[in-house]
Amino acid sequence: MVITARTTRRIRILIALIIGLVMSAPLLYMLAGSLMSNSQLSIQPPQVIPSSLHFGNYPAAFSGMTQVIQVRSFVNSVVFTAGAVGLQWALCISGGLVIAKMHFRSRGLITVLFAISLFIPLLTTLIPTFVVTYKLGLINTYPGLILPIAAQTGFGSLLFRQYIKQLPEELFDAARLDGANWWLMLRRLVIPLARPATAAYLAISVLTAWNMYLWPLVAAEGGSLQVLTQTLATVGSSAQGEVTPQNVIFASVVIVTLPMILVFLAVQPAFIRGLAGSGVE
């Protein structure tokens, strides 16, 4: 039996569709649960599709969130995400240029070390990172919240390295003939041409930073620096100890997650182009 190119493409699409549905199952169930009644969520086996839609969960969730989640938490999340991702991007695109186009003896070793860092679990480095941050007196400060995350540059540096490596060497030779140094080439040549890779990096990093819970929980002990993921955890119970219904909690999670989903959908085309151009599969 001869398998044609069209059949192969259909099989690939089918496999990608199945994998996509499996990976998006928790998100779809969260959305479905936010539209169920509390009794529907308690049914065994679990009900996947709501038998009736309860849109009143969202006003109840928003009312409960405004009592617990203050504007300060939203501001903290924005500052933390923007600061960590912005500083990390500057380090990653600079590091990617160094290991992609600069020729020096230890370049291969540095690339290997970046790759190895991707396999180190976060929990392994959590305590040493906390100790260093504490010794520097940065606990319960924005720098202590942002800098340890901005220093995690392994993935971003390799992403930009793969993208910058495919840029023609003639562009850099022409820039050198015009008297440009590496800093000028970074600003005038690499950053404009690496926009697809930047979009791919931002789509991943912004989602990761916005949803981060463990490090902000450790580094921000005081309430003044709590981010949305921390304060969202308190929505499950009120100040009087009354338990919030599960469907309202589901709706609260959807409300907090929705902005990042919209951001990801907006940059999805550039995200795909960036991954394709960087050689990440």
Protein backbone atom coordinates (compact mmCIF):
# COMPACT_ATOMS: atom_id res chain seq x y z
CA MET A 1 0.00 0.00 0.00
CA VAL A 2 1.43 3.35 -1.11
CA ILE A 3 0.88 6.23 1.28
CA THR A 4 0.52 9.48 -0.62
CA ALA A 5 1.72 12.89 0.58
CA ARG A 6 -1.89 13.96 1.17
CA THR A 7 -2.53 10.92 3.40
CA THR A 8 0.65 11.60 5.35
CA ARG A 9 -0.38 15.20 5.88
CA ARG A 10 -3.83 14.15 7.09
CA ILE A 11 -2.29 11.69 9.54
CA ARG A 12 -0.02 14.40 10.90
CA ILE A 13 -2.92 16.81 11.28
CA LEU A 14 -4.95 14.12 13.07
CA ILE A 15 -2.08 13.34 15.46
CA ALA A 16 -1.52 17.05 16.13
CA LEU A 17 -5.25 17.49 16.77
CA ILE A 18 -5.33 14.59 19.24
CA ILE A 19 -2.24 15.87 21.08
CA GLY A 20 -3.72 19.38 21.15
CA LEU A 21 -6.98 18.14 22.64
CA VAL A 22 -5.16 16.13 25.29
CA MET A 23 -2.95 19.06 26.28
CA SER A 24 -5.86 21.52 26.33
CA ALA A 25 -8.14 19.17 28.31
CA PRO A 26 -7.46 20.85 31.70
CA LEU A 27 -8.17 24.29 30.22
CA LEU A 28 -11.37 23.10 28.55
CA TYR A 29 -12.53 21.41 31.76
CA MET A 30 -11.79 24.61 33.71
CA LEU A 31 -13.94 26.58 31.28
CA ALA A 32 -16.73 23.98 31.41
CA GLY A 33 -16.58 23.86 35.23
CA SER A 34 -16.95 27.63 35.41
CA LEU A 35 -20.34 27.27 33.67
CA MET A 36 -21.64 24.38 35.81
CA SER A 37 -23.57 24.35 39.03
CA ASN A 38 -21.83 23.10 42.14
CA SER A 39 -23.92 19.92 42.08
CA GLN A 40 -22.86 19.19 38.48
CA LEU A 41 -19.21 19.42 39.51
CA SER A 42 -19.82 16.90 42.29
CA ILE A 43 -21.28 14.23 39.99
CA GLN A 44 -19.32 10.96 39.73
CA PRO A 45 -18.01 10.22 37.17
CA PRO A 46 -17.18 13.86 36.40
CA GLN A 47 -19.38 15.64 33.89
CA VAL A 48 -17.40 17.14 31.02
CA ILE A 49 -20.13 19.05 29.19
CA PRO A 50 -22.48 21.25 31.28
CA SER A 51 -26.09 20.12 31.11
CA SER A 52 -27.13 23.72 31.78
CA LEU A 53 -25.10 26.92 31.66
CA HIS A 54 -24.72 29.02 34.81
CA PHE A 55 -23.29 32.37 33.75
CA GLY A 56 -24.04 33.75 37.21
CA ASN A 57 -20.82 32.11 38.42
CA TYR A 58 -18.80 34.92 36.87
CA PRO A 59 -20.47 37.84 38.73
CA ALA A 60 -20.17 35.83 41.95
CA ALA A 61 -16.51 35.10 41.22
CA PHE A 62 -15.77 38.72 40.39
CA SER A 63 -17.48 39.87 43.56
CA GLY A 64 -15.51 37.41 45.65
CA MET A 65 -12.23 38.32 43.94
CA THR A 66 -12.67 42.05 44.50
CA GLN A 67 -13.00 41.36 48.23
CA VAL A 68 -9.74 39.39 48.33
CA ILE A 69 -7.68 40.50 45.32
CA GLN A 70 -6.79 44.17 45.62
CA VAL A 71 -5.51 46.42 42.85
CA ARG A 72 -2.07 46.08 44.45
CA SER A 73 -1.93 42.38 43.56
CA PHE A 74 -2.67 43.10 39.92
CA VAL A 75 -0.01 45.83 39.85
CA ASN A 76 2.50 43.45 41.47
CA SER A 77 1.81 40.81 38.81
CA VAL A 78 2.27 43.34 36.02
CA VAL A 79 5.51 44.73 37.51
CA PHE A 80 6.86 41.24 38.20
CA THR A 81 6.01 39.92 34.72
CA ALA A 82 7.23 43.00 32.85
CA GLY A 83 10.41 43.33 34.92
CA ALA A 84 11.40 39.66 34.84
CA VAL A 85 10.59 39.12 31.16
CA GLY A 86 12.07 42.44 30.01
CA LEU A 87 15.38 41.97 31.81
CA GLN A 88 15.54 38.31 30.86
CA TRP A 89 14.92 39.17 27.20
CA ALA A 90 17.82 41.65 27.20
CA LEU A 91 20.15 39.04 28.68
CA CYS A 92 18.93 36.26 26.38
CA ILE A 93 19.18 38.11 23.08
CA SER A 94 22.64 39.40 24.05
CA GLY A 95 23.75 35.91 25.09
CA GLY A 96 22.29 34.43 21.93
CA LEU A 97 24.34 36.84 19.82
CA VAL A 98 27.51 36.00 21.75
CA ILE A 99 27.30 32.23 21.34
CA ALA A 100 25.98 32.44 17.77
CA LYS A 101 28.33 34.91 16.09
CA MET A 102 31.31 35.59 18.34
CA HIS A 103 34.24 33.21 17.92
CA PHE A 104 36.11 32.30 21.11
CA ARG A 105 37.43 29.12 22.66
CA SER A 106 34.76 28.43 25.31
CA ARG A 107 31.73 29.10 23.10
CA GLY A 108 30.78 25.43 22.80
CA LEU A 109 31.14 24.88 26.54
CA ILE A 110 28.88 27.84 27.33
CA THR A 111 26.26 26.51 24.92
CA VAL A 112 26.38 23.10 26.61
CA LEU A 113 26.01 24.72 30.04
CA PHE A 114 22.95 26.63 28.84
CA ALA A 115 21.45 23.34 27.62
CA ILE A 116 22.24 21.53 30.88
CA SER A 117 20.49 24.26 32.88
CA LEU A 118 17.20 23.33 31.18
CA PHE A 119 17.27 19.92 32.89
CA ILE A 120 17.75 21.24 36.43
CA PRO A 121 14.42 21.19 38.34
CA LEU A 122 13.29 24.47 39.89
CA LEU A 123 12.90 22.85 43.32
CA THR A 124 16.59 21.91 43.28
CA THR A 125 17.68 25.54 43.09
CA LEU A 126 14.87 27.03 45.18
CA ILE A 127 16.61 26.90 48.57
CA PRO A 128 20.04 28.17 47.36
CA THR A 129 18.30 30.97 45.45
CA PHE A 130 16.33 31.95 48.54
CA VAL A 131 19.47 31.92 50.71
CA VAL A 132 21.38 34.18 48.29
CA THR A 133 18.40 36.53 47.97
CA TYR A 134 18.03 36.65 51.77
CA LYS A 135 21.75 37.32 52.32
CA LEU A 136 21.53 40.23 49.88
CA GLY A 137 18.59 41.66 51.81
CA LEU A 138 16.23 41.45 48.84
CA ILE A 139 13.39 39.42 50.36
CA ASN A 140 10.06 41.28 50.12
CA THR A 141 11.43 43.65 47.48
CA TYR A 142 10.80 43.94 43.75
CA PRO A 143 14.49 43.23 42.89
CA GLY A 144 14.36 40.06 45.01
CA LEU A 145 11.19 39.02 43.22
CA ILE A 146 12.44 39.80 39.71
CA LEU A 147 16.20 39.21 39.51
CA PRO A 148 16.31 35.44 40.29
CA ILE A 149 13.74 34.80 37.56
CA ALA A 150 15.47 37.12 35.09
CA ALA A 151 18.68 35.14 35.64
CA GLN A 152 17.09 31.95 34.25
CA THR A 153 18.31 32.54 30.70
CA GLY A 154 19.02 29.01 29.44
CA PHE A 155 16.00 28.51 27.19
CA GLY A 156 15.90 32.07 25.86
CA SER A 157 19.60 32.19 25.05
CA LEU A 158 19.41 28.94 23.08
CA LEU A 159 16.26 30.12 21.30
CA PHE A 160 17.90 33.35 20.15
CA ARG A 161 21.16 31.55 19.40
CA GLN A 162 19.42 29.26 16.89
CA TYR A 163 17.65 32.18 15.25
CA ILE A 164 20.67 34.49 15.09
CA LYS A 165 22.93 31.70 13.85
CA GLN A 166 20.93 31.43 10.61
CA LEU A 167 21.32 35.15 9.83
CA PRO A 168 23.76 35.60 6.92
CA GLU A 169 27.33 36.28 8.00
CA GLU A 170 27.55 38.86 5.20
CA LEU A 171 25.24 41.18 7.17
CA PHE A 172 27.66 41.24 10.08
CA ASP A 173 30.66 41.63 7.79
CA ALA A 174 29.02 44.63 6.13
CA ALA A 175 28.25 46.13 9.54
CA ARG A 176 31.89 45.73 10.59
CA LEU A 177 33.04 47.47 7.39
CA ASP A 178 30.77 50.39 8.34
CA GLY A 179 32.54 50.60 11.70
CA ALA A 180 29.78 49.04 13.83
CA ASN A 181 30.77 47.32 17.05
CA TRP A 182 28.90 44.40 18.62
CA TRP A 183 26.66 46.67 20.69
CA LEU A 184 25.61 48.63 17.61
CA MET A 185 25.03 45.42 15.64
CA LEU A 186 22.83 44.16 18.46
CA ARG A 187 20.68 47.29 18.45
CA ARG A 188 20.54 48.01 14.71
CA LEU A 189 20.78 44.54 13.18
CA VAL A 190 19.95 41.68 15.53
CA ILE A 191 16.98 43.09 17.48
CA PRO A 192 15.01 44.20 14.36
CA LEU A 193 15.68 40.94 12.49
CA ALA A 194 14.94 38.75 15.52
CA ARG A 195 11.38 40.00 16.00
CA PRO A 196 9.80 36.57 15.25
CA ALA A 197 12.09 34.92 17.82
CA THR A 198 11.27 37.70 20.28
CA ALA A 199 7.55 37.09 19.78
CA ALA A 200 8.02 33.36 20.41
CA TYR A 201 10.09 34.08 23.50
CA LEU A 202 7.59 36.61 24.89
CA ALA A 203 4.62 34.30 24.30
CA ILE A 204 6.26 31.61 26.43
CA SER A 205 7.93 33.78 29.06
CA VAL A 206 5.02 36.12 29.75
CA LEU A 207 2.67 33.18 30.31
CA THR A 208 5.21 31.49 32.58
CA ALA A 209 5.89 34.60 34.67
CA TRP A 210 2.22 35.57 34.98
CA ASN A 211 1.27 32.09 36.23
CA MET A 212 4.31 31.69 38.50
CA TYR A 213 3.39 30.86 42.09
CA LEU A 214 6.25 29.12 43.92
CA TRP A 215 8.99 31.76 43.77
CA PRO A 216 6.67 34.74 44.56
CA LEU A 217 5.34 32.73 47.49
CA VAL A 218 8.90 32.31 48.84
CA ALA A 219 10.30 35.74 47.97
CA ALA A 220 7.25 37.85 48.86
CA GLU A 221 6.26 36.90 52.40
CA GLY A 222 4.48 40.18 53.05
CA GLY A 223 1.06 40.98 51.64
CA SER A 224 2.23 44.18 49.92
CA LEU A 225 4.13 42.23 47.22
CA GLN A 226 1.75 39.33 46.67
CA VAL A 227 0.95 38.59 43.04
CA LEU A 228 -2.37 37.42 41.60
CA THR A 229 -1.56 33.72 41.82
CA GLN A 230 -0.97 34.05 45.57
CA THR A 231 -4.10 36.04 46.31
CA LEU A 232 -6.15 33.80 44.05
CA ALA A 233 -5.33 30.91 46.38
CA THR A 234 -7.22 32.71 49.15
CA VAL A 235 -10.42 32.96 47.10
CA GLY A 236 -11.27 29.41 48.16
CA SER A 237 -12.32 30.63 51.61
CA SER A 238 -13.68 33.90 52.90
CA ALA A 239 -12.62 35.81 55.96
CA GLN A 240 -15.42 34.12 57.91
CA GLY A 241 -14.14 30.68 56.98
CA GLU A 242 -17.03 29.96 54.60
CA VAL A 243 -15.99 27.72 51.74
CA THR A 244 -16.46 29.19 48.27
CA PRO A 245 -18.30 26.87 45.83
CA GLN A 246 -16.09 25.06 43.35
CA ASN A 247 -17.86 26.50 40.32
CA VAL A 248 -17.14 30.03 41.56
CA ILE A 249 -13.46 29.10 42.06
CA PHE A 250 -13.36 27.76 38.49
CA ALA A 251 -14.80 31.04 37.23
CA SER A 252 -12.22 33.01 39.26
CA VAL A 253 -9.40 31.05 37.66
CA VAL A 254 -10.84 31.71 34.18
CA ILE A 255 -11.00 35.46 34.90
CA VAL A 256 -7.34 35.57 35.97
CA THR A 257 -6.17 33.33 33.12
CA LEU A 258 -8.14 34.99 30.32
CA PRO A 259 -5.80 37.99 29.75
CA MET A 260 -2.81 35.73 29.14
CA ILE A 261 -4.80 33.47 26.81
CA LEU A 262 -5.79 36.51 24.74
CA VAL A 263 -2.15 37.66 24.64
CA PHE A 264 -1.02 34.23 23.46
CA LEU A 265 -3.69 34.07 20.75
CA ALA A 266 -2.70 37.55 19.56
CA VAL A 267 0.97 36.63 19.13
CA GLN A 268 0.38 33.05 17.97
CA PRO A 269 1.33 33.62 14.28
CA ALA A 270 4.60 35.30 15.25
CA PHE A 271 5.13 32.61 17.89
CA ILE A 272 4.95 29.86 15.24
CA ARG A 273 7.22 31.77 12.84
CA GLY A 274 9.72 32.34 15.62
CA LEU A 275 9.90 28.68 16.61
CA ALA A 276 10.15 27.60 12.97
CA GLY A 277 12.90 30.09 12.27
CA SER A 278 14.86 29.18 15.40
CA GLY A 279 14.97 25.48 14.61
CA VAL A 280 13.06 24.47 17.77
CA GLU A 281 10.79 21.51 17.05
